[in-house]
Amino acid sequence: MSRGEKLRDVPLKRDETWWLHPALRGRQSLPTDAAAGGMPHRWVHSSASAAREETNVDDDSPHADFAKILYRLNGSRPGPVRGFYVIVGVEPGRYAVGQLCADPHFPVQLFEDLVFPTEERARDTAAAMRAASPPLSI
């Protein structure tokens, strides 16, 4: 078998979100400190994440443009973005799993019941959640 034949047998999957920063894809932790570039967030329970109230993404807040991008990634729906779980360093030695939201005031919701002592455990939990609920195709 030639090298070209071997390469054709490998199934390739396109990463629809290649252009997003790794932190927004859950591959590194986001800061919560506004001075360090952190985004506003709210705490919720993980079981209540799908039942968030509707929000208007057309707003004049500093994160309105980001909310519009998340709105599009979410199938033109406000609220939590399916499959976009992130890791947030809430303080030294505490990492929370969160989810991006198409909300200009609180673009990140953190799960109060999913806080871990290491970034690795939080990342593993976020990866499992992402596998159970993959992002919508753009």
C-alpha atoms as a PDB file:
ATOM      1  CA  MET A   1       0.000   0.000   0.000  1.00  0.00           C
ATOM      2  CA  SER A   2       1.392   3.387  -0.954  1.00  0.00           C
ATOM      3  CA  ARG A   3       1.627   6.415   1.329  1.00  0.00           C
ATOM      4  CA  GLY A   4      -1.126   8.193  -0.654  1.00  0.00           C
ATOM      5  CA  GLU A   5      -3.531   5.291  -0.143  1.00  0.00           C
ATOM      6  CA  LYS A   6      -2.899   5.352   3.612  1.00  0.00           C
ATOM      7  CA  LEU A   7      -3.665   9.077   3.784  1.00  0.00           C
ATOM      8  CA  ARG A   8      -6.967   8.664   1.939  1.00  0.00           C
ATOM      9  CA  ASP A   9      -8.163   6.133   4.510  1.00  0.00           C
ATOM     10  CA  VAL A  10      -7.920   8.612   7.378  1.00  0.00           C
ATOM     11  CA  PRO A  11     -11.333  10.231   8.012  1.00  0.00           C
ATOM     12  CA  LEU A  12     -10.925  13.981   8.311  1.00  0.00           C
ATOM     13  CA  LYS A  13     -13.282  16.112  10.359  1.00  0.00           C
ATOM     14  CA  ARG A  14     -13.432  19.841   9.829  1.00  0.00           C
ATOM     15  CA  ASP A  15     -13.259  21.988  12.937  1.00  0.00           C
ATOM     16  CA  GLU A  16     -16.073  24.492  12.371  1.00  0.00           C
ATOM     17  CA  THR A  17     -14.720  26.794  15.101  1.00  0.00           C
ATOM     18  CA  TRP A  18     -11.040  26.857  14.131  1.00  0.00           C
ATOM     19  CA  TRP A  19     -11.081  30.665  14.157  1.00  0.00           C
ATOM     20  CA  LEU A  20     -12.168  30.982  17.817  1.00  0.00           C
ATOM     21  CA  HIS A  21      -9.572  31.547  20.524  1.00  0.00           C
ATOM     22  CA  PRO A  22      -8.668  28.275  22.314  1.00  0.00           C
ATOM     23  CA  ALA A  23     -10.069  29.615  25.597  1.00  0.00           C
ATOM     24  CA  LEU A  24     -13.487  30.019  23.979  1.00  0.00           C
ATOM     25  CA  ARG A  25     -13.350  26.404  22.850  1.00  0.00           C
ATOM     26  CA  GLY A  26     -12.545  25.175  26.376  1.00  0.00           C
ATOM     27  CA  ARG A  27      -8.896  24.356  25.689  1.00  0.00           C
ATOM     28  CA  GLN A  28      -7.498  26.773  28.278  1.00  0.00           C
ATOM     29  CA  SER A  29      -8.993  28.670  31.170  1.00  0.00           C
ATOM     30  CA  LEU A  30     -10.542  32.121  30.934  1.00  0.00           C
ATOM     31  CA  PRO A  31      -9.812  34.701  33.641  1.00  0.00           C
ATOM     32  CA  THR A  32     -12.676  36.245  35.639  1.00  0.00           C
ATOM     33  CA  ASP A  33     -10.716  39.370  36.519  1.00  0.00           C
ATOM     34  CA  ALA A  34     -11.902  42.237  34.271  1.00  0.00           C
ATOM     35  CA  ALA A  35      -8.394  43.768  34.324  1.00  0.00           C
ATOM     36  CA  ALA A  36      -7.021  40.511  32.854  1.00  0.00           C
ATOM     37  CA  GLY A  37      -9.599  40.460  30.043  1.00  0.00           C
ATOM     38  CA  GLY A  38     -12.229  38.427  31.863  1.00  0.00           C
ATOM     39  CA  MET A  39     -15.846  38.570  30.799  1.00  0.00           C
ATOM     40  CA  PRO A  40     -18.844  39.216  33.012  1.00  0.00           C
ATOM     41  CA  HIS A  41     -20.427  36.027  34.250  1.00  0.00           C
ATOM     42  CA  ARG A  42     -23.272  34.706  36.349  1.00  0.00           C
ATOM     43  CA  TRP A  43     -23.489  31.596  38.486  1.00  0.00           C
ATOM     44  CA  VAL A  44     -26.157  28.982  37.717  1.00  0.00           C
ATOM     45  CA  HIS A  45     -26.735  25.349  38.556  1.00  0.00           C
ATOM     46  CA  SER A  46     -25.814  22.985  35.717  1.00  0.00           C
ATOM     47  CA  SER A  47     -29.297  21.439  35.660  1.00  0.00           C
ATOM     48  CA  ALA A  48     -30.842  24.878  35.029  1.00  0.00           C
ATOM     49  CA  SER A  49     -28.568  25.798  32.099  1.00  0.00           C
ATOM     50  CA  ALA A  50     -31.068  24.983  29.340  1.00  0.00           C
ATOM     51  CA  ALA A  51     -33.888  26.886  30.995  1.00  0.00           C
ATOM     52  CA  ARG A  52     -32.348  30.369  30.957  1.00  0.00           C
ATOM     53  CA  GLU A  53     -34.547  33.344  30.182  1.00  0.00           C
ATOM     54  CA  GLU A  54     -34.607  34.835  26.688  1.00  0.00           C
ATOM     55  CA  THR A  55     -32.331  37.844  26.203  1.00  0.00           C
ATOM     56  CA  ASN A  56     -32.076  40.424  23.467  1.00  0.00           C
ATOM     57  CA  VAL A  57     -28.721  40.203  21.681  1.00  0.00           C
ATOM     58  CA  ASP A  58     -29.203  43.592  19.987  1.00  0.00           C
ATOM     59  CA  ASP A  59     -27.834  45.699  22.806  1.00  0.00           C
ATOM     60  CA  ASP A  60     -25.286  48.443  23.360  1.00  0.00           C
ATOM     61  CA  SER A  61     -23.256  46.626  26.023  1.00  0.00           C
ATOM     62  CA  PRO A  62     -19.495  46.123  25.513  1.00  0.00           C
ATOM     63  CA  HIS A  63     -20.080  42.447  24.657  1.00  0.00           C
ATOM     64  CA  ALA A  64     -22.927  42.949  22.152  1.00  0.00           C
ATOM     65  CA  ASP A  65     -20.799  41.996  19.135  1.00  0.00           C
ATOM     66  CA  PHE A  66     -19.593  38.843  20.878  1.00  0.00           C
ATOM     67  CA  ALA A  67     -23.218  38.006  21.787  1.00  0.00           C
ATOM     68  CA  LYS A  68     -24.187  38.333  18.111  1.00  0.00           C
ATOM     69  CA  ILE A  69     -21.480  35.842  17.114  1.00  0.00           C
ATOM     70  CA  LEU A  70     -22.639  33.445  19.828  1.00  0.00           C
ATOM     71  CA  TYR A  71     -26.243  33.962  18.688  1.00  0.00           C
ATOM     72  CA  ARG A  72     -25.257  32.793  15.200  1.00  0.00           C
ATOM     73  CA  LEU A  73     -23.265  29.821  16.563  1.00  0.00           C
ATOM     74  CA  ASN A  74     -26.357  28.887  18.586  1.00  0.00           C
ATOM     75  CA  GLY A  75     -28.599  28.532  15.548  1.00  0.00           C
ATOM     76  CA  SER A  76     -29.965  32.104  15.801  1.00  0.00           C
ATOM     77  CA  ARG A  77     -31.239  31.558  19.338  1.00  0.00           C
ATOM     78  CA  PRO A  78     -30.384  33.522  22.493  1.00  0.00           C
ATOM     79  CA  GLY A  79     -29.256  31.759  25.654  1.00  0.00           C
ATOM     80  CA  PRO A  80     -26.652  29.042  26.315  1.00  0.00           C
ATOM     81  CA  VAL A  81     -24.664  27.986  23.242  1.00  0.00           C
ATOM     82  CA  ARG A  82     -24.850  24.243  22.777  1.00  0.00           C
ATOM     83  CA  GLY A  83     -21.476  22.531  23.097  1.00  0.00           C
ATOM     84  CA  PHE A  84     -19.480  25.631  24.041  1.00  0.00           C
ATOM     85  CA  TYR A  85     -18.248  24.725  27.506  1.00  0.00           C
ATOM     86  CA  VAL A  86     -15.333  26.716  28.892  1.00  0.00           C
ATOM     87  CA  ILE A  87     -12.985  26.559  31.870  1.00  0.00           C
ATOM     88  CA  VAL A  88     -12.775  29.640  34.071  1.00  0.00           C
ATOM     89  CA  GLY A  89     -10.150  30.246  36.737  1.00  0.00           C
ATOM     90  CA  VAL A  90     -12.301  31.813  39.443  1.00  0.00           C
ATOM     91  CA  GLU A  91      -9.434  32.087  41.934  1.00  0.00           C
ATOM     92  CA  PRO A  92      -6.107  30.313  42.504  1.00  0.00           C
ATOM     93  CA  GLY A  93      -6.799  26.599  42.876  1.00  0.00           C
ATOM     94  CA  ARG A  94     -10.469  26.826  41.781  1.00  0.00           C
ATOM     95  CA  TYR A  95     -11.622  26.210  38.213  1.00  0.00           C
ATOM     96  CA  ALA A  96     -15.258  26.268  37.181  1.00  0.00           C
ATOM     97  CA  VAL A  97     -16.868  24.747  34.129  1.00  0.00           C
ATOM     98  CA  GLY A  98     -19.030  27.265  32.324  1.00  0.00           C
ATOM     99  CA  GLN A  99     -20.962  27.717  29.127  1.00  0.00           C
ATOM    100  CA  LEU A 100     -20.932  30.577  26.647  1.00  0.00           C
ATOM    101  CA  CYS A 101     -24.247  32.423  26.273  1.00  0.00           C
ATOM    102  CA  ALA A 102     -25.664  34.623  23.542  1.00  0.00           C
ATOM    103  CA  ASP A 103     -26.276  37.353  26.115  1.00  0.00           C
ATOM    104  CA  PRO A 104     -24.580  40.767  25.823  1.00  0.00           C
ATOM    105  CA  HIS A 105     -24.567  41.343  29.598  1.00  0.00           C
ATOM    106  CA  PHE A 106     -23.411  37.894  30.793  1.00  0.00           C
ATOM    107  CA  PRO A 107     -21.691  36.045  27.916  1.00  0.00           C
ATOM    108  CA  VAL A 108     -20.505  33.316  30.318  1.00  0.00           C
ATOM    109  CA  GLN A 109     -22.530  31.327  32.814  1.00  0.00           C
ATOM    110  CA  LEU A 110     -20.581  29.352  35.412  1.00  0.00           C
ATOM    111  CA  PHE A 111     -21.913  26.171  36.957  1.00  0.00           C
ATOM    112  CA  GLU A 112     -21.798  26.495  40.739  1.00  0.00           C
ATOM    113  CA  ASP A 113     -21.887  22.716  41.139  1.00  0.00           C
ATOM    114  CA  LEU A 114     -18.956  22.126  38.747  1.00  0.00           C
ATOM    115  CA  VAL A 115     -15.992  23.779  40.491  1.00  0.00           C
ATOM    116  CA  PHE A 116     -12.746  21.804  40.674  1.00  0.00           C
ATOM    117  CA  PRO A 117      -9.336  22.192  42.366  1.00  0.00           C
ATOM    118  CA  THR A 118      -7.412  21.614  39.110  1.00  0.00           C
ATOM    119  CA  GLU A 119      -7.779  22.926  35.587  1.00  0.00           C
ATOM    120  CA  GLU A 120      -7.303  19.400  34.226  1.00  0.00           C
ATOM    121  CA  ARG A 121     -10.351  18.009  36.079  1.00  0.00           C
ATOM    122  CA  ALA A 122     -12.447  20.949  34.929  1.00  0.00           C
ATOM    123  CA  ARG A 123     -11.247  20.477  31.340  1.00  0.00           C
ATOM    124  CA  ASP A 124     -12.086  16.754  31.441  1.00  0.00           C
ATOM    125  CA  THR A 125     -15.594  17.540  32.711  1.00  0.00           C
ATOM    126  CA  ALA A 126     -16.108  20.184  30.016  1.00  0.00           C
ATOM    127  CA  ALA A 127     -14.895  17.749  27.336  1.00  0.00           C
ATOM    128  CA  ALA A 128     -17.378  15.117  28.530  1.00  0.00           C
ATOM    129  CA  MET A 129     -20.195  17.680  28.473  1.00  0.00           C
ATOM    130  CA  ARG A 130     -19.156  18.810  24.990  1.00  0.00           C
ATOM    131  CA  ALA A 131     -19.162  15.191  23.749  1.00  0.00           C
ATOM    132  CA  ALA A 132     -22.655  14.662  25.180  1.00  0.00           C
ATOM    133  CA  SER A 133     -23.968  17.865  23.579  1.00  0.00           C
ATOM    134  CA  PRO A 134     -21.861  18.797  20.529  1.00  0.00           C
ATOM    135  CA  PRO A 135     -22.090  22.268  18.966  1.00  0.00           C
ATOM    136  CA  LEU A 136     -24.492  22.911  16.120  1.00  0.00           C
ATOM    137  CA  SER A 137     -22.959  22.928  12.639  1.00  0.00           C
ATOM    138  CA  ILE A 138     -22.643  26.386  11.178  1.00  0.00           C
END
